[in-house]
């Protein structure tokens, strides 16, 4: 008998500190109207001083575990997708493992920026399908505000902080039907942080390791590639566009979301949209959107979901899920 993985619980957490477009109008040359029209964003949540990625991850994880009706000790695999790890090492996943009082199981981070959660979901699914894991915790968590230049209006208006989590459990019935992962490092400089531990380290020491983005080029690539991965996912599963009940996209830009929905010929009321209130939370955005729709009772058991994301690297990927 084949073994599959199913999502049995979701959780999401946002820092209490909210930064509105009106707040940004006071510090950079921008306007609420410009931000809304170009991105669809009205506000974003920003971690307070002393609030770390693992703190956000823990809150989201505990809510997912509670929703799943399990004990933390039932978890035998922890994957955290993050670009903003609290330390060089240990991994944020290991820090989270300690917070949850879980001992002995594998725990590791995945870094694929905004596609990180889909990457993590794919890896956890394969652990479960091969019998290596029976109950996995997958978290997307970011304090992206720490790598943003808040004087750069092209980037500071886009990003926010948050965490989303799911619990996957082995099941005889398919939940995650397929995942599709891709990357192309030739496009790295279009969206990157050009500083790190072994490259341009003085910028890190001086607190100048910031996101740099060629916005129009990234937008064009995202629309093109996400359209391609929609086709790839449908073809791999022998499905038509109308078979998808919900699109759960990475929340980067409302125009990209609308373009992907058009590719699916899907009405916007079947597209989960949290970008207005969350902004772009990178690896956290897809699980946060999923949790939002589940807790609002929009997504229901048995419905077919398409998750998709695109991020720096470039990385991109999708997951087709029977909820």
C-alpha atoms as a PDB file:
ATOM      1  CA  UNK A   1       0.000   0.000   0.000  1.00  0.00           C
ATOM      2  CA  UNK A   2       1.359   3.422  -0.965  1.00  0.00           C
ATOM      3  CA  UNK A   3       2.007   6.070   1.661  1.00  0.00           C
ATOM      4  CA  UNK A   4       1.165   9.714   1.051  1.00  0.00           C
ATOM      5  CA  UNK A   5       1.318  12.917   3.104  1.00  0.00           C
ATOM      6  CA  UNK A   6      -1.645  15.049   4.096  1.00  0.00           C
ATOM      7  CA  UNK A   7      -1.881  18.457   5.764  1.00  0.00           C
ATOM      8  CA  UNK A   8      -3.670  17.965   9.085  1.00  0.00           C
ATOM      9  CA  UNK A   9      -3.079  21.375  10.665  1.00  0.00           C
ATOM     10  CA  UNK A  10      -2.100  24.943   9.765  1.00  0.00           C
ATOM     11  CA  UNK A  11      -0.913  27.921  11.785  1.00  0.00           C
ATOM     12  CA  UNK A  12       0.125  31.505  11.164  1.00  0.00           C
ATOM     13  CA  UNK A  13       1.627  34.347  13.163  1.00  0.00           C
ATOM     14  CA  UNK A  14       2.274  38.032  12.452  1.00  0.00           C
ATOM     15  CA  UNK A  15       4.166  40.492  14.676  1.00  0.00           C
ATOM     16  CA  UNK A  16       1.901  42.958  16.440  1.00  0.00           C
ATOM     17  CA  UNK A  17       3.803  45.971  15.096  1.00  0.00           C
ATOM     18  CA  UNK A  18       2.036  47.255  11.953  1.00  0.00           C
ATOM     19  CA  UNK A  19       3.651  49.672   9.479  1.00  0.00           C
ATOM     20  CA  UNK A  20       1.120  51.310   7.148  1.00  0.00           C
ATOM     21  CA  UNK A  21       1.711  53.023   3.840  1.00  0.00           C
ATOM     22  CA  UNK A  22       0.968  56.287   5.619  1.00  0.00           C
ATOM     23  CA  UNK A  23       3.845  55.540   7.994  1.00  0.00           C
ATOM     24  CA  UNK A  24       6.202  55.055   5.049  1.00  0.00           C
ATOM     25  CA  UNK A  25       5.063  58.321   3.472  1.00  0.00           C
ATOM     26  CA  UNK A  26       6.781  60.060   6.411  1.00  0.00           C
ATOM     27  CA  UNK A  27      10.180  58.457   5.797  1.00  0.00           C
ATOM     28  CA  UNK A  28      10.562  57.893   2.023  1.00  0.00           C
ATOM     29  CA  UNK A  29       9.406  59.600  -1.160  1.00  0.00           C
ATOM     30  CA  UNK A  30       6.301  57.515  -1.786  1.00  0.00           C
ATOM     31  CA  UNK A  31       2.543  57.612  -1.325  1.00  0.00           C
ATOM     32  CA  UNK A  32      -0.205  55.297  -0.192  1.00  0.00           C
ATOM     33  CA  UNK A  33      -1.806  55.535  -3.648  1.00  0.00           C
ATOM     34  CA  UNK A  34       1.448  54.673  -5.466  1.00  0.00           C
ATOM     35  CA  UNK A  35       2.083  51.627  -3.251  1.00  0.00           C
ATOM     36  CA  UNK A  36      -1.494  50.314  -3.555  1.00  0.00           C
ATOM     37  CA  UNK A  37      -1.622  50.746  -7.321  1.00  0.00           C
ATOM     38  CA  UNK A  38       1.782  49.175  -7.974  1.00  0.00           C
ATOM     39  CA  UNK A  39       1.706  46.368  -5.396  1.00  0.00           C
ATOM     40  CA  UNK A  40      -1.712  46.005  -3.742  1.00  0.00           C
ATOM     41  CA  UNK A  41      -0.125  46.450  -0.312  1.00  0.00           C
ATOM     42  CA  UNK A  42      -1.754  48.581   2.386  1.00  0.00           C
ATOM     43  CA  UNK A  43       0.327  47.586   5.409  1.00  0.00           C
ATOM     44  CA  UNK A  44       2.910  45.107   6.632  1.00  0.00           C
ATOM     45  CA  UNK A  45       3.889  43.642  10.008  1.00  0.00           C
ATOM     46  CA  UNK A  46       7.412  44.309  11.269  1.00  0.00           C
ATOM     47  CA  UNK A  47       9.136  42.486  14.120  1.00  0.00           C
ATOM     48  CA  UNK A  48      10.027  44.545  17.162  1.00  0.00           C
ATOM     49  CA  UNK A  49      13.588  44.800  18.465  1.00  0.00           C
ATOM     50  CA  UNK A  50      14.283  41.573  20.311  1.00  0.00           C
ATOM     51  CA  UNK A  51      11.682  39.619  18.294  1.00  0.00           C
ATOM     52  CA  UNK A  52      13.394  36.958  16.192  1.00  0.00           C
ATOM     53  CA  UNK A  53      12.618  34.528  13.396  1.00  0.00           C
ATOM     54  CA  UNK A  54      12.424  31.590  15.796  1.00  0.00           C
ATOM     55  CA  UNK A  55       9.870  33.496  17.906  1.00  0.00           C
ATOM     56  CA  UNK A  56       7.583  33.897  14.906  1.00  0.00           C
ATOM     57  CA  UNK A  57       8.184  30.278  13.858  1.00  0.00           C
ATOM     58  CA  UNK A  58       7.332  28.973  17.322  1.00  0.00           C
ATOM     59  CA  UNK A  59       4.019  30.841  17.465  1.00  0.00           C
ATOM     60  CA  UNK A  60       2.956  29.580  14.036  1.00  0.00           C
ATOM     61  CA  UNK A  61       4.149  26.048  14.787  1.00  0.00           C
ATOM     62  CA  UNK A  62       2.232  25.802  18.057  1.00  0.00           C
ATOM     63  CA  UNK A  63      -0.976  26.898  16.327  1.00  0.00           C
ATOM     64  CA  UNK A  64      -0.468  24.294  13.580  1.00  0.00           C
ATOM     65  CA  UNK A  65       0.224  21.567  16.146  1.00  0.00           C
ATOM     66  CA  UNK A  66      -2.896  22.554  18.079  1.00  0.00           C
ATOM     67  CA  UNK A  67      -4.990  22.531  14.894  1.00  0.00           C
ATOM     68  CA  UNK A  68      -3.610  19.085  14.017  1.00  0.00           C
ATOM     69  CA  UNK A  69      -4.656  17.729  17.410  1.00  0.00           C
ATOM     70  CA  UNK A  70      -1.264  16.208  18.097  1.00  0.00           C
ATOM     71  CA  UNK A  71       1.520  16.575  20.644  1.00  0.00           C
ATOM     72  CA  UNK A  72       4.845  18.182  19.679  1.00  0.00           C
ATOM     73  CA  UNK A  73       6.442  14.857  20.569  1.00  0.00           C
ATOM     74  CA  UNK A  74       4.542  13.223  17.680  1.00  0.00           C
ATOM     75  CA  UNK A  75       6.664  15.233  15.228  1.00  0.00           C
ATOM     76  CA  UNK A  76       9.622  13.354  13.732  1.00  0.00           C
ATOM     77  CA  UNK A  77      10.853  15.921  11.170  1.00  0.00           C
ATOM     78  CA  UNK A  78      11.228  19.718  11.347  1.00  0.00           C
ATOM     79  CA  UNK A  79      11.930  21.869   8.302  1.00  0.00           C
ATOM     80  CA  UNK A  80      12.105  25.664   8.484  1.00  0.00           C
ATOM     81  CA  UNK A  81      12.197  27.666   5.256  1.00  0.00           C
ATOM     82  CA  UNK A  82      13.842  31.006   5.942  1.00  0.00           C
ATOM     83  CA  UNK A  83      16.156  33.584   4.412  1.00  0.00           C
ATOM     84  CA  UNK A  84      16.600  35.375   7.714  1.00  0.00           C
ATOM     85  CA  UNK A  85      17.972  32.785  10.111  1.00  0.00           C
ATOM     86  CA  UNK A  86      18.654  34.069  13.606  1.00  0.00           C
ATOM     87  CA  UNK A  87      22.212  32.729  13.639  1.00  0.00           C
ATOM     88  CA  UNK A  88      24.804  31.436  11.179  1.00  0.00           C
ATOM     89  CA  UNK A  89      24.355  28.201  13.094  1.00  0.00           C
ATOM     90  CA  UNK A  90      22.635  26.339  14.588  1.00  0.00           C
ATOM     91  CA  UNK A  91      19.729  26.311  12.154  1.00  0.00           C
ATOM     92  CA  UNK A  92      16.473  28.024  13.021  1.00  0.00           C
ATOM     93  CA  UNK A  93      14.912  24.556  12.833  1.00  0.00           C
ATOM     94  CA  UNK A  94      17.166  23.353  15.662  1.00  0.00           C
ATOM     95  CA  UNK A  95      16.308  26.431  17.736  1.00  0.00           C
ATOM     96  CA  UNK A  96      12.625  25.746  17.109  1.00  0.00           C
ATOM     97  CA  UNK A  97      13.072  22.073  17.982  1.00  0.00           C
ATOM     98  CA  UNK A  98      14.401  23.081  21.407  1.00  0.00           C
ATOM     99  CA  UNK A  99      11.544  25.561  21.948  1.00  0.00           C
ATOM    100  CA  UNK A 100       9.015  22.795  21.237  1.00  0.00           C
ATOM    101  CA  UNK A 101      10.826  20.331  23.542  1.00  0.00           C
ATOM    102  CA  UNK A 102      11.326  17.844  20.688  1.00  0.00           C
ATOM    103  CA  UNK A 103      14.474  15.728  20.769  1.00  0.00           C
ATOM    104  CA  UNK A 104      16.334  13.503  18.344  1.00  0.00           C
ATOM    105  CA  UNK A 105      14.467  13.950  15.051  1.00  0.00           C
ATOM    106  CA  UNK A 106      16.098  15.614  12.021  1.00  0.00           C
ATOM    107  CA  UNK A 107      15.734  19.393  11.925  1.00  0.00           C
ATOM    108  CA  UNK A 108      17.140  21.667   9.236  1.00  0.00           C
ATOM    109  CA  UNK A 109      16.613  24.909   7.338  1.00  0.00           C
ATOM    110  CA  UNK A 110      15.915  25.383   3.641  1.00  0.00           C
ATOM    111  CA  UNK A 111      16.905  28.594   1.858  1.00  0.00           C
ATOM    112  CA  UNK A 112      15.017  29.221  -1.369  1.00  0.00           C
ATOM    113  CA  UNK A 113      13.753  32.695  -0.452  1.00  0.00           C
ATOM    114  CA  UNK A 114      10.099  33.186  -1.430  1.00  0.00           C
ATOM    115  CA  UNK A 115       9.788  29.627  -2.797  1.00  0.00           C
ATOM    116  CA  UNK A 116      11.239  28.194   0.413  1.00  0.00           C
ATOM    117  CA  UNK A 117       7.989  26.877   1.857  1.00  0.00           C
ATOM    118  CA  UNK A 118       7.152  24.957  -1.339  1.00  0.00           C
ATOM    119  CA  UNK A 119      10.675  23.511  -1.305  1.00  0.00           C
ATOM    120  CA  UNK A 120      10.231  22.485   2.338  1.00  0.00           C
ATOM    121  CA  UNK A 121       6.827  20.966   1.653  1.00  0.00           C
ATOM    122  CA  UNK A 122       8.283  18.929  -1.208  1.00  0.00           C
ATOM    123  CA  UNK A 123      11.147  17.599   0.912  1.00  0.00           C
ATOM    124  CA  UNK A 124       8.847  16.679   3.814  1.00  0.00           C
ATOM    125  CA  UNK A 125       6.451  14.951   1.416  1.00  0.00           C
ATOM    126  CA  UNK A 126       9.299  12.778   0.123  1.00  0.00           C
ATOM    127  CA  UNK A 127      10.419  11.910   3.665  1.00  0.00           C
ATOM    128  CA  UNK A 128       6.900  10.696   4.394  1.00  0.00           C
ATOM    129  CA  UNK A 129       6.403   8.880   1.081  1.00  0.00           C
ATOM    130  CA  UNK A 130       9.603   6.898   1.659  1.00  0.00           C
ATOM    131  CA  UNK A 131       8.621   5.987   5.218  1.00  0.00           C
ATOM    132  CA  UNK A 132      11.453   8.021   6.772  1.00  0.00           C
ATOM    133  CA  UNK A 133       8.979  10.302   8.557  1.00  0.00           C
ATOM    134  CA  UNK A 134       5.415   9.896   9.758  1.00  0.00           C
ATOM    135  CA  UNK A 135       4.626  13.382  11.044  1.00  0.00           C
ATOM    136  CA  UNK A 136       6.463  16.475   9.781  1.00  0.00           C
ATOM    137  CA  UNK A 137       6.374  20.133  10.750  1.00  0.00           C
ATOM    138  CA  UNK A 138       7.104  22.552   7.896  1.00  0.00           C
ATOM    139  CA  UNK A 139       7.453  26.249   8.702  1.00  0.00           C
ATOM    140  CA  UNK A 140       8.085  29.346   6.609  1.00  0.00           C
ATOM    141  CA  UNK A 141       9.356  32.150   8.839  1.00  0.00           C
ATOM    142  CA  UNK A 142      10.981  35.491   8.115  1.00  0.00           C
ATOM    143  CA  UNK A 143      12.151  38.689   9.746  1.00  0.00           C
ATOM    144  CA  UNK A 144      12.750  40.145   6.295  1.00  0.00           C
ATOM    145  CA  UNK A 145      12.653  43.671   7.691  1.00  0.00           C
ATOM    146  CA  UNK A 146      16.204  43.083   8.985  1.00  0.00           C
ATOM    147  CA  UNK A 147      17.609  42.929   5.432  1.00  0.00           C
ATOM    148  CA  UNK A 148      15.637  45.884   4.055  1.00  0.00           C
ATOM    149  CA  UNK A 149      17.041  49.358   3.469  1.00  0.00           C
ATOM    150  CA  UNK A 150      14.211  51.446   4.856  1.00  0.00           C
ATOM    151  CA  UNK A 151      15.371  54.455   2.839  1.00  0.00           C
ATOM    152  CA  UNK A 152      14.958  52.571  -0.467  1.00  0.00           C
ATOM    153  CA  UNK A 153      11.386  53.097  -1.629  1.00  0.00           C
ATOM    154  CA  UNK A 154      11.687  50.371  -4.267  1.00  0.00           C
ATOM    155  CA  UNK A 155      12.074  47.631  -1.657  1.00  0.00           C
ATOM    156  CA  UNK A 156      10.943  48.924   1.738  1.00  0.00           C
ATOM    157  CA  UNK A 157       7.304  49.197   0.635  1.00  0.00           C
ATOM    158  CA  UNK A 158       7.144  45.529  -0.357  1.00  0.00           C
ATOM    159  CA  UNK A 159       8.252  43.349   2.521  1.00  0.00           C
ATOM    160  CA  UNK A 160       7.039  42.330   5.961  1.00  0.00           C
ATOM    161  CA  UNK A 161       7.648  39.746   8.665  1.00  0.00           C
ATOM    162  CA  UNK A 162       5.672  36.682   9.697  1.00  0.00           C
ATOM    163  CA  UNK A 163       5.512  32.900   9.925  1.00  0.00           C
ATOM    164  CA  UNK A 164       3.223  30.149   8.684  1.00  0.00           C
ATOM    165  CA  UNK A 165       3.312  26.437   9.430  1.00  0.00           C
ATOM    166  CA  UNK A 166       1.718  23.140   8.499  1.00  0.00           C
ATOM    167  CA  UNK A 167       1.755  19.665   9.991  1.00  0.00           C
ATOM    168  CA  UNK A 168       1.983  16.808   7.493  1.00  0.00           C
ATOM    169  CA  UNK A 169       1.043  13.264   8.452  1.00  0.00           C
ATOM    170  CA  UNK A 170       1.389   9.938   6.668  1.00  0.00           C
ATOM    171  CA  UNK A 171      -1.892   8.728   5.171  1.00  0.00           C
ATOM    172  CA  UNK A 172      -3.189   6.110   2.754  1.00  0.00           C
ATOM    173  CA  UNK A 173      -5.086   8.802   0.842  1.00  0.00           C
ATOM    174  CA  UNK A 174      -3.141  11.317  -1.300  1.00  0.00           C
ATOM    175  CA  UNK A 175      -2.941  14.843   0.086  1.00  0.00           C
ATOM    176  CA  UNK A 176       0.083  16.336  -1.606  1.00  0.00           C
ATOM    177  CA  UNK A 177      -0.445  15.120  -5.161  1.00  0.00           C
ATOM    178  CA  UNK A 178       2.719  16.545  -6.697  1.00  0.00           C
ATOM    179  CA  UNK A 179       5.413  19.164  -6.220  1.00  0.00           C
ATOM    180  CA  UNK A 180       7.507  20.855  -8.892  1.00  0.00           C
ATOM    181  CA  UNK A 181      10.740  22.680  -8.018  1.00  0.00           C
ATOM    182  CA  UNK A 182      13.068  24.747 -10.199  1.00  0.00           C
ATOM    183  CA  UNK A 183      15.937  27.232  -9.990  1.00  0.00           C
ATOM    184  CA  UNK A 184      18.234  29.192 -12.292  1.00  0.00           C
ATOM    185  CA  UNK A 185      21.202  30.922 -10.704  1.00  0.00           C
ATOM    186  CA  UNK A 186      21.976  32.932 -13.836  1.00  0.00           C
ATOM    187  CA  UNK A 187      19.386  35.452 -12.687  1.00  0.00           C
ATOM    188  CA  UNK A 188      20.796  35.837  -9.161  1.00  0.00           C
ATOM    189  CA  UNK A 189      21.745  39.498  -9.445  1.00  0.00           C
ATOM    190  CA  UNK A 190      18.224  40.591 -10.353  1.00  0.00           C
ATOM    191  CA  UNK A 191      17.062  39.894  -6.786  1.00  0.00           C
ATOM    192  CA  UNK A 192      19.682  39.332  -4.116  1.00  0.00           C
ATOM    193  CA  UNK A 193      21.523  40.494  -1.015  1.00  0.00           C
ATOM    194  CA  UNK A 194      25.089  41.007  -2.278  1.00  0.00           C
ATOM    195  CA  UNK A 195      26.685  40.602   1.153  1.00  0.00           C
ATOM    196  CA  UNK A 196      27.232  37.682   3.491  1.00  0.00           C
ATOM    197  CA  UNK A 197      29.679  35.897   5.751  1.00  0.00           C
ATOM    198  CA  UNK A 198      32.202  35.225   2.974  1.00  0.00           C
ATOM    199  CA  UNK A 199      31.290  37.985   0.491  1.00  0.00           C
ATOM    200  CA  UNK A 200      31.490  41.707   1.225  1.00  0.00           C
ATOM    201  CA  UNK A 201      31.523  40.928   4.947  1.00  0.00           C
ATOM    202  CA  UNK A 202      32.145  44.551   6.059  1.00  0.00           C
ATOM    203  CA  UNK A 203      28.621  45.402   4.884  1.00  0.00           C
ATOM    204  CA  UNK A 204      27.258  42.743   7.241  1.00  0.00           C
ATOM    205  CA  UNK A 205      29.303  44.121  10.144  1.00  0.00           C
ATOM    206  CA  UNK A 206      28.060  47.632   9.408  1.00  0.00           C
ATOM    207  CA  UNK A 207      24.411  46.559   9.074  1.00  0.00           C
ATOM    208  CA  UNK A 208      24.251  47.252   5.326  1.00  0.00           C
ATOM    209  CA  UNK A 209      23.365  43.772   4.013  1.00  0.00           C
ATOM    210  CA  UNK A 210      20.203  44.753   2.175  1.00  0.00           C
ATOM    211  CA  UNK A 211      17.952  43.375  -0.546  1.00  0.00           C
ATOM    212  CA  UNK A 212      18.636  44.725  -4.038  1.00  0.00           C
ATOM    213  CA  UNK A 213      16.041  44.173  -6.741  1.00  0.00           C
ATOM    214  CA  UNK A 214      15.607  44.990 -10.426  1.00  0.00           C
ATOM    215  CA  UNK A 215      11.850  45.335 -10.056  1.00  0.00           C
ATOM    216  CA  UNK A 216      10.606  45.399 -13.652  1.00  0.00           C
ATOM    217  CA  UNK A 217      12.830  42.487 -14.735  1.00  0.00           C
ATOM    218  CA  UNK A 218      11.746  40.390 -11.758  1.00  0.00           C
ATOM    219  CA  UNK A 219       8.090  41.150 -12.479  1.00  0.00           C
ATOM    220  CA  UNK A 220       8.360  40.049 -16.120  1.00  0.00           C
ATOM    221  CA  UNK A 221      10.175  36.834 -15.221  1.00  0.00           C
ATOM    222  CA  UNK A 222       7.742  36.002 -12.415  1.00  0.00           C
ATOM    223  CA  UNK A 223       4.679  36.345 -14.645  1.00  0.00           C
ATOM    224  CA  UNK A 224       6.258  34.221 -17.388  1.00  0.00           C
ATOM    225  CA  UNK A 225       7.621  31.468 -15.142  1.00  0.00           C
ATOM    226  CA  UNK A 226       4.551  31.153 -12.928  1.00  0.00           C
ATOM    227  CA  UNK A 227       2.436  30.720 -16.039  1.00  0.00           C
ATOM    228  CA  UNK A 228       4.742  27.900 -17.121  1.00  0.00           C
ATOM    229  CA  UNK A 229       4.580  26.121 -13.779  1.00  0.00           C
ATOM    230  CA  UNK A 230       0.786  26.242 -13.802  1.00  0.00           C
ATOM    231  CA  UNK A 231       0.880  24.349 -17.102  1.00  0.00           C
ATOM    232  CA  UNK A 232       3.505  21.928 -15.803  1.00  0.00           C
ATOM    233  CA  UNK A 233       1.487  21.108 -12.681  1.00  0.00           C
ATOM    234  CA  UNK A 234      -1.781  20.577 -14.536  1.00  0.00           C
ATOM    235  CA  UNK A 235      -0.144  18.434 -17.211  1.00  0.00           C
ATOM    236  CA  UNK A 236       1.658  16.253 -14.655  1.00  0.00           C
ATOM    237  CA  UNK A 237      -1.662  15.456 -12.988  1.00  0.00           C
ATOM    238  CA  UNK A 238      -3.845  15.161 -16.090  1.00  0.00           C
ATOM    239  CA  UNK A 239      -6.010  18.076 -14.990  1.00  0.00           C
ATOM    240  CA  UNK A 240      -7.721  21.058 -16.591  1.00  0.00           C
ATOM    241  CA  UNK A 241      -7.702  24.619 -15.266  1.00  0.00           C
ATOM    242  CA  UNK A 242     -11.289  24.341 -14.060  1.00  0.00           C
ATOM    243  CA  UNK A 243     -10.362  21.417 -11.796  1.00  0.00           C
ATOM    244  CA  UNK A 244      -8.497  23.723  -9.394  1.00  0.00           C
ATOM    245  CA  UNK A 245     -10.663  25.006  -6.535  1.00  0.00           C
ATOM    246  CA  UNK A 246      -8.215  27.488  -5.014  1.00  0.00           C
ATOM    247  CA  UNK A 247      -5.034  29.252  -6.034  1.00  0.00           C
ATOM    248  CA  UNK A 248      -2.784  29.946  -3.020  1.00  0.00           C
ATOM    249  CA  UNK A 249      -0.010  32.105  -4.485  1.00  0.00           C
ATOM    250  CA  UNK A 250       3.079  33.700  -3.061  1.00  0.00           C
ATOM    251  CA  UNK A 251       2.002  37.191  -2.029  1.00  0.00           C
ATOM    252  CA  UNK A 252       4.562  39.353  -3.831  1.00  0.00           C
ATOM    253  CA  UNK A 253       2.565  41.741  -5.979  1.00  0.00           C
ATOM    254  CA  UNK A 254      -1.146  41.887  -6.767  1.00  0.00           C
ATOM    255  CA  UNK A 255      -0.397  42.275 -10.482  1.00  0.00           C
ATOM    256  CA  UNK A 256       1.564  39.007 -10.518  1.00  0.00           C
ATOM    257  CA  UNK A 257      -1.259  37.278  -8.627  1.00  0.00           C
ATOM    258  CA  UNK A 258      -3.847  38.572 -11.107  1.00  0.00           C
ATOM    259  CA  UNK A 259      -1.735  37.444 -14.075  1.00  0.00           C
ATOM    260  CA  UNK A 260      -1.414  33.917 -12.655  1.00  0.00           C
ATOM    261  CA  UNK A 261      -5.157  33.766 -11.953  1.00  0.00           C
ATOM    262  CA  UNK A 262      -5.834  34.758 -15.574  1.00  0.00           C
ATOM    263  CA  UNK A 263      -3.572  31.919 -16.707  1.00  0.00           C
ATOM    264  CA  UNK A 264      -5.814  29.544 -14.753  1.00  0.00           C
ATOM    265  CA  UNK A 265      -8.946  31.404 -15.897  1.00  0.00           C
ATOM    266  CA  UNK A 266      -9.781  31.527 -12.209  1.00  0.00           C
ATOM    267  CA  UNK A 267     -12.017  34.253 -10.708  1.00  0.00           C
ATOM    268  CA  UNK A 268     -10.256  36.342  -8.082  1.00  0.00           C
ATOM    269  CA  UNK A 269     -12.723  35.216  -5.417  1.00  0.00           C
ATOM    270  CA  UNK A 270     -11.076  31.760  -5.707  1.00  0.00           C
ATOM    271  CA  UNK A 271      -7.604  33.213  -5.182  1.00  0.00           C
ATOM    272  CA  UNK A 272      -6.332  33.560  -1.618  1.00  0.00           C
ATOM    273  CA  UNK A 273      -5.173  37.158  -1.184  1.00  0.00           C
ATOM    274  CA  UNK A 274      -3.403  38.415   1.926  1.00  0.00           C
ATOM    275  CA  UNK A 275      -0.943  40.809   0.311  1.00  0.00           C
ATOM    276  CA  UNK A 276      -2.911  43.930   1.292  1.00  0.00           C
ATOM    277  CA  UNK A 277      -2.469  43.279   5.016  1.00  0.00           C
ATOM    278  CA  UNK A 278       0.729  41.178   5.077  1.00  0.00           C
ATOM    279  CA  UNK A 279       2.923  42.506   2.271  1.00  0.00           C
ATOM    280  CA  UNK A 280       5.552  40.119   0.922  1.00  0.00           C
ATOM    281  CA  UNK A 281       6.688  37.882   3.798  1.00  0.00           C
ATOM    282  CA  UNK A 282       8.934  35.745   1.571  1.00  0.00           C
ATOM    283  CA  UNK A 283       8.964  32.083   2.707  1.00  0.00           C
ATOM    284  CA  UNK A 284       6.137  32.794   5.157  1.00  0.00           C
ATOM    285  CA  UNK A 285       3.673  34.172   2.618  1.00  0.00           C
ATOM    286  CA  UNK A 286       2.224  30.941   1.186  1.00  0.00           C
ATOM    287  CA  UNK A 287       1.666  29.163   4.528  1.00  0.00           C
ATOM    288  CA  UNK A 288       0.271  32.392   6.024  1.00  0.00           C
ATOM    289  CA  UNK A 289      -2.170  32.673   3.112  1.00  0.00           C
ATOM    290  CA  UNK A 290      -3.111  29.012   3.430  1.00  0.00           C
ATOM    291  CA  UNK A 291      -3.735  29.310   7.162  1.00  0.00           C
ATOM    292  CA  UNK A 292      -5.779  32.488   6.654  1.00  0.00           C
ATOM    293  CA  UNK A 293      -8.072  30.766   4.151  1.00  0.00           C
ATOM    294  CA  UNK A 294      -8.411  27.608   6.252  1.00  0.00           C
ATOM    295  CA  UNK A 295      -9.289  29.526   9.422  1.00  0.00           C
ATOM    296  CA  UNK A 296     -11.753  31.711   7.505  1.00  0.00           C
ATOM    297  CA  UNK A 297     -13.425  28.447   6.433  1.00  0.00           C
ATOM    298  CA  UNK A 298     -12.938  29.362   2.781  1.00  0.00           C
ATOM    299  CA  UNK A 299     -10.841  26.291   1.971  1.00  0.00           C
ATOM    300  CA  UNK A 300     -12.715  23.107   2.834  1.00  0.00           C
ATOM    301  CA  UNK A 301     -11.834  19.438   3.079  1.00  0.00           C
ATOM    302  CA  UNK A 302     -11.554  17.708  -0.268  1.00  0.00           C
ATOM    303  CA  UNK A 303     -10.862  20.845  -2.315  1.00  0.00           C
ATOM    304  CA  UNK A 304      -7.965  21.008  -4.770  1.00  0.00           C
ATOM    305  CA  UNK A 305      -5.348  23.680  -4.101  1.00  0.00           C
ATOM    306  CA  UNK A 306      -2.528  24.988  -6.261  1.00  0.00           C
ATOM    307  CA  UNK A 307       0.308  26.600  -4.284  1.00  0.00           C
ATOM    308  CA  UNK A 308       2.953  28.472  -6.264  1.00  0.00           C
ATOM    309  CA  UNK A 309       5.881  30.732  -5.570  1.00  0.00           C
ATOM    310  CA  UNK A 310       8.761  32.617  -7.184  1.00  0.00           C
ATOM    311  CA  UNK A 311      11.788  34.052  -5.431  1.00  0.00           C
ATOM    312  CA  UNK A 312      15.391  35.152  -5.531  1.00  0.00           C
ATOM    313  CA  UNK A 313      17.840  32.709  -6.991  1.00  0.00           C
ATOM    314  CA  UNK A 314      15.771  32.588  -9.136  1.00  0.00           C
ATOM    315  CA  UNK A 315      13.758  29.796  -7.544  1.00  0.00           C
ATOM    316  CA  UNK A 316      10.207  28.789  -8.388  1.00  0.00           C
ATOM    317  CA  UNK A 317       7.904  25.937  -7.578  1.00  0.00           C
ATOM    318  CA  UNK A 318       4.389  24.616  -7.067  1.00  0.00           C
ATOM    319  CA  UNK A 319       2.489  22.087  -5.007  1.00  0.00           C
ATOM    320  CA  UNK A 320      -0.844  20.513  -5.907  1.00  0.00           C
ATOM    321  CA  UNK A 321      -2.752  19.551  -2.789  1.00  0.00           C
ATOM    322  CA  UNK A 322      -5.999  17.802  -1.997  1.00  0.00           C
ATOM    323  CA  UNK A 323      -6.896  19.433   1.294  1.00  0.00           C
END
